[in-house]
Amino acid sequence: MSENRIECISLSKQYTRNNLTVTAVDDINMQIHNNEVVLLKGRSGAGKSTLLNLMCGLIKPTYGKVLIDNQIINELNDDSLSNLLLNRIGIIFQSFNLLPTYTVYENIEIALIPKGLNKNMIRESIMPFLEQFNLTDKAQLMPSELSVGQQQKVAIIRTLVKKPSVIFADEPTGSVDDETAGEIFEHLLFLKKEKQITLVIASHGSIPENFADRIINIENGRIQK
């Protein structure tokens, strides 16, 4: 295994809008080590979310490449990328992306079904996380019956239950109150220490700086020294 779990090399992303080329990420070079918590910090529109999406393979760069354990993920075919996202990469979205017609349990369950686990194995994977996040009694509720903080916890469990080695999170506490945010931080740090998970988090300022091992400031799509 590489010493650096994640590496960005000359990474750039451009969009063309109304015949104008907009550079969202501009020649990023950086390395993120195993079991490190890295905060990508910058104002809204600075390019941090685009950088995060490039790093986890959701969008492809215009130039450059992203390596995870020496695999160039932007050169993987669809099947290989899907396998990476299923087994090794977790993504926490600010918008939760919960299915409104599925229960809490079912929203988490869908993350494990592609792994080919039977019902008992899936339940044994899910229930400890529901207990840890104090959501055991909410398992059969619909997302609309939960508070915003509880919905975010479900979204986080859906990611954690896959047991990824790297988690990318875009403003994971941007929609919750300070108490819930603190609780989420504690859970993530505990799992980082227990499971040796690498965390990469994009935030415009809602994440306490002392939560991270390292802070990378992004402005106009570039790293600020």
Foldseek 3Di string as FASTA:
>chain_A
DDQFQKWWAQFWAWDADPNDIATLAGGDTDTHGFLFAEEAAAAPSLNQVVVLCCQLVVDDTPDTFMHGVRDGSNPDDPVVSVVCDLAAEFEQEQVLPADQVAFLQVSLLVSCVVVVDDPVVSCVLQQVLCVLLVNNVRRGPGPVVDDPLVSLSSSVSSRCSSVHQEYEYEPSCVPDDPVSVVSVLVVVNVCSVVSRHYYYYYDHPPDDPVSGPYYFYGGSNYTDD
